Structure formats: C-alpha cells, structure tokens
C-alpha cells in the first residue's frame, strides 16, 4: 500500500493505492492521524484501492468518529465495484459519505 497527502488549508486529501489490510492499516492510520490536527475536511481517494479488510473498515470508523467530534466532514471518493460491495455488505455504505 502507498498513500499520498495533499493538504490545502483545512482540507486533507489522501490518495490510497493498493490494499488496506491488517498489515497496512496501522501505517495509514498513523500517517493520517499525524496530519489531522487542523483538518476540517478529510477526503480519501480510493481510485486505486484494490482491497479493504476489516482492519481498514475499523480505520474508516475511527476517522468518521474523529471528524464528527471536530464538526468536520469526511468523504470517500472514487470507490470501485469491489470495495463498494464490501461497504454494502457491512452497512458502511449507510454510515459513510461516498462520492
């Protein structure tokens, strides 16, 4: 997995490439949380995300809770068919903002 940050004022966009699983989710979590302090708008770009496991879903819940607590906005963009199927089966489609 690779990720790239683009921070513009209070907006943080994170492009995630590859797989978010038990091995890579902690690395992504540490990277995002390290940048989240002054962020009011967090966008994860999943254009090149191939796979997400339960560890990745846990991270998404954590990010949603943190952004809600700071009255921020959390969105996930460009979700492929496979990842959307995971979101639908787990109910995450109903609790996350997916564009």
C-alpha atoms as a PDB file:
ATOM      1  CA  UNK A   1       0.000   0.000   0.000  1.00  0.00           C
ATOM      2  CA  UNK A   2       1.052   3.534  -0.731  1.00  0.00           C
ATOM      3  CA  UNK A   3      -0.606   6.812   0.150  1.00  0.00           C
ATOM      4  CA  UNK A   4      -0.077  10.418  -0.810  1.00  0.00           C
ATOM      5  CA  UNK A   5      -1.245  13.507   1.071  1.00  0.00           C
ATOM      6  CA  UNK A   6      -2.409  16.757  -0.428  1.00  0.00           C
ATOM      7  CA  UNK A   7      -3.117  19.340   2.271  1.00  0.00           C
ATOM      8  CA  UNK A   8      -4.735  22.632   1.324  1.00  0.00           C
ATOM      9  CA  UNK A   9      -5.639  24.761   4.330  1.00  0.00           C
ATOM     10  CA  UNK A  10      -8.186  22.829   6.390  1.00  0.00           C
ATOM     11  CA  UNK A  11      -8.671  20.170   3.690  1.00  0.00           C
ATOM     12  CA  UNK A  12      -6.651  16.949   3.611  1.00  0.00           C
ATOM     13  CA  UNK A  13      -6.944  14.637   0.617  1.00  0.00           C
ATOM     14  CA  UNK A  14      -5.354  11.201   0.842  1.00  0.00           C
ATOM     15  CA  UNK A  15      -4.880   9.060  -2.254  1.00  0.00           C
ATOM     16  CA  UNK A  16      -4.674   5.407  -1.223  1.00  0.00           C
ATOM     17  CA  UNK A  17      -3.122   2.837  -3.587  1.00  0.00           C
ATOM     18  CA  UNK A  18      -3.105  -0.936  -3.174  1.00  0.00           C
ATOM     19  CA  UNK A  19      -4.511  -2.818  -0.191  1.00  0.00           C
ATOM     20  CA  UNK A  20      -5.637  -1.651   3.236  1.00  0.00           C
ATOM     21  CA  UNK A  21      -5.431  -4.724   5.444  1.00  0.00           C
ATOM     22  CA  UNK A  22      -4.143  -5.876   8.826  1.00  0.00           C
ATOM     23  CA  UNK A  23      -0.557  -5.161   7.792  1.00  0.00           C
ATOM     24  CA  UNK A  24      -1.035  -1.759   6.162  1.00  0.00           C
ATOM     25  CA  UNK A  25      -3.953  -0.186   8.076  1.00  0.00           C
ATOM     26  CA  UNK A  26      -1.810   0.802  11.105  1.00  0.00           C
ATOM     27  CA  UNK A  27       0.650   2.623   8.817  1.00  0.00           C
ATOM     28  CA  UNK A  28      -2.180   4.516   7.093  1.00  0.00           C
ATOM     29  CA  UNK A  29      -3.799   5.320  10.452  1.00  0.00           C
ATOM     30  CA  UNK A  30      -0.572   6.731  11.850  1.00  0.00           C
ATOM     31  CA  UNK A  31       0.007   8.824   8.736  1.00  0.00           C
ATOM     32  CA  UNK A  32      -3.481  10.305   8.638  1.00  0.00           C
ATOM     33  CA  UNK A  33      -3.776  10.940  12.376  1.00  0.00           C
ATOM     34  CA  UNK A  34      -0.435  12.744  12.248  1.00  0.00           C
ATOM     35  CA  UNK A  35      -1.913  15.232   9.756  1.00  0.00           C
ATOM     36  CA  UNK A  36      -5.438  15.550  11.150  1.00  0.00           C
ATOM     37  CA  UNK A  37      -4.968  18.254  13.793  1.00  0.00           C
ATOM     38  CA  UNK A  38      -6.201  21.331  11.880  1.00  0.00           C
ATOM     39  CA  UNK A  39      -8.258  19.469   9.271  1.00  0.00           C
ATOM     40  CA  UNK A  40     -11.980  20.205   8.850  1.00  0.00           C
ATOM     41  CA  UNK A  41     -12.441  18.299   5.568  1.00  0.00           C
ATOM     42  CA  UNK A  42     -10.919  14.834   5.075  1.00  0.00           C
ATOM     43  CA  UNK A  43     -11.190  13.106   1.696  1.00  0.00           C
ATOM     44  CA  UNK A  44      -9.931   9.610   0.976  1.00  0.00           C
ATOM     45  CA  UNK A  45      -9.477   8.922  -2.745  1.00  0.00           C
ATOM     46  CA  UNK A  46      -9.952   5.202  -3.396  1.00  0.00           C
ATOM     47  CA  UNK A  47      -9.445   5.328  -7.184  1.00  0.00           C
ATOM     48  CA  UNK A  48      -6.533   2.890  -6.903  1.00  0.00           C
ATOM     49  CA  UNK A  49      -7.614   0.942  -3.814  1.00  0.00           C
ATOM     50  CA  UNK A  50      -7.717  -2.765  -4.665  1.00  0.00           C
ATOM     51  CA  UNK A  51      -8.851  -4.276  -1.363  1.00  0.00           C
ATOM     52  CA  UNK A  52     -10.007  -3.323   2.120  1.00  0.00           C
ATOM     53  CA  UNK A  53     -10.185  -5.699   5.095  1.00  0.00           C
ATOM     54  CA  UNK A  54     -11.906  -5.413   8.463  1.00  0.00           C
ATOM     55  CA  UNK A  55      -8.808  -3.574   9.736  1.00  0.00           C
ATOM     56  CA  UNK A  56      -9.343  -0.959   7.023  1.00  0.00           C
ATOM     57  CA  UNK A  57     -13.036  -0.704   7.894  1.00  0.00           C
ATOM     58  CA  UNK A  58     -12.107  -0.147  11.539  1.00  0.00           C
ATOM     59  CA  UNK A  59      -9.849   2.716  10.438  1.00  0.00           C
ATOM     60  CA  UNK A  60     -12.690   4.287   8.447  1.00  0.00           C
ATOM     61  CA  UNK A  61     -14.928   4.167  11.530  1.00  0.00           C
ATOM     62  CA  UNK A  62     -12.197   5.775  13.624  1.00  0.00           C
ATOM     63  CA  UNK A  63     -11.753   8.570  11.077  1.00  0.00           C
ATOM     64  CA  UNK A  64     -15.519   9.124  10.865  1.00  0.00           C
ATOM     65  CA  UNK A  65     -15.740   9.437  14.668  1.00  0.00           C
ATOM     66  CA  UNK A  66     -12.792  11.854  14.838  1.00  0.00           C
ATOM     67  CA  UNK A  67     -14.198  14.073  12.099  1.00  0.00           C
ATOM     68  CA  UNK A  68     -17.675  14.037  13.697  1.00  0.00           C
ATOM     69  CA  UNK A  69     -16.152  15.016  17.061  1.00  0.00           C
ATOM     70  CA  UNK A  70     -14.453  18.043  15.475  1.00  0.00           C
ATOM     71  CA  UNK A  71     -17.537  19.019  13.400  1.00  0.00           C
ATOM     72  CA  UNK A  72     -15.565  18.119  10.292  1.00  0.00           C
ATOM     73  CA  UNK A  73     -16.516  16.461   7.012  1.00  0.00           C
ATOM     74  CA  UNK A  74     -15.280  13.005   5.995  1.00  0.00           C
ATOM     75  CA  UNK A  75     -15.802  11.749   2.443  1.00  0.00           C
ATOM     76  CA  UNK A  76     -14.625   8.786   0.419  1.00  0.00           C
ATOM     77  CA  UNK A  77     -14.296   9.335  -3.323  1.00  0.00           C
ATOM     78  CA  UNK A  78     -13.937   7.059  -6.365  1.00  0.00           C
ATOM     79  CA  UNK A  79     -14.829   3.709  -4.811  1.00  0.00           C
ATOM     80  CA  UNK A  80     -14.508   0.752  -7.173  1.00  0.00           C
ATOM     81  CA  UNK A  81     -17.089  -2.015  -7.531  1.00  0.00           C
ATOM     82  CA  UNK A  82     -15.317  -4.498  -5.231  1.00  0.00           C
ATOM     83  CA  UNK A  83     -14.832  -2.048  -2.360  1.00  0.00           C
ATOM     84  CA  UNK A  84     -18.408  -0.758  -2.765  1.00  0.00           C
ATOM     85  CA  UNK A  85     -19.636  -4.340  -2.431  1.00  0.00           C
ATOM     86  CA  UNK A  86     -17.759  -4.621   0.885  1.00  0.00           C
ATOM     87  CA  UNK A  87     -19.323  -1.327   2.028  1.00  0.00           C
ATOM     88  CA  UNK A  88     -22.794  -2.568   1.062  1.00  0.00           C
ATOM     89  CA  UNK A  89     -22.419  -5.967   2.778  1.00  0.00           C
ATOM     90  CA  UNK A  90     -21.130  -4.423   6.005  1.00  0.00           C
ATOM     91  CA  UNK A  91     -23.563  -1.500   6.123  1.00  0.00           C
ATOM     92  CA  UNK A  92     -20.753   1.046   5.761  1.00  0.00           C
ATOM     93  CA  UNK A  93     -22.487   2.470   2.686  1.00  0.00           C
ATOM     94  CA  UNK A  94     -25.151   3.836   5.016  1.00  0.00           C
ATOM     95  CA  UNK A  95     -22.814   5.436   7.580  1.00  0.00           C
ATOM     96  CA  UNK A  96     -20.081   6.893   5.332  1.00  0.00           C
ATOM     97  CA  UNK A  97     -20.301   9.684   2.776  1.00  0.00           C
ATOM     98  CA  UNK A  98     -19.277   8.063  -0.506  1.00  0.00           C
ATOM     99  CA  UNK A  99     -18.999  10.109  -3.696  1.00  0.00           C
END
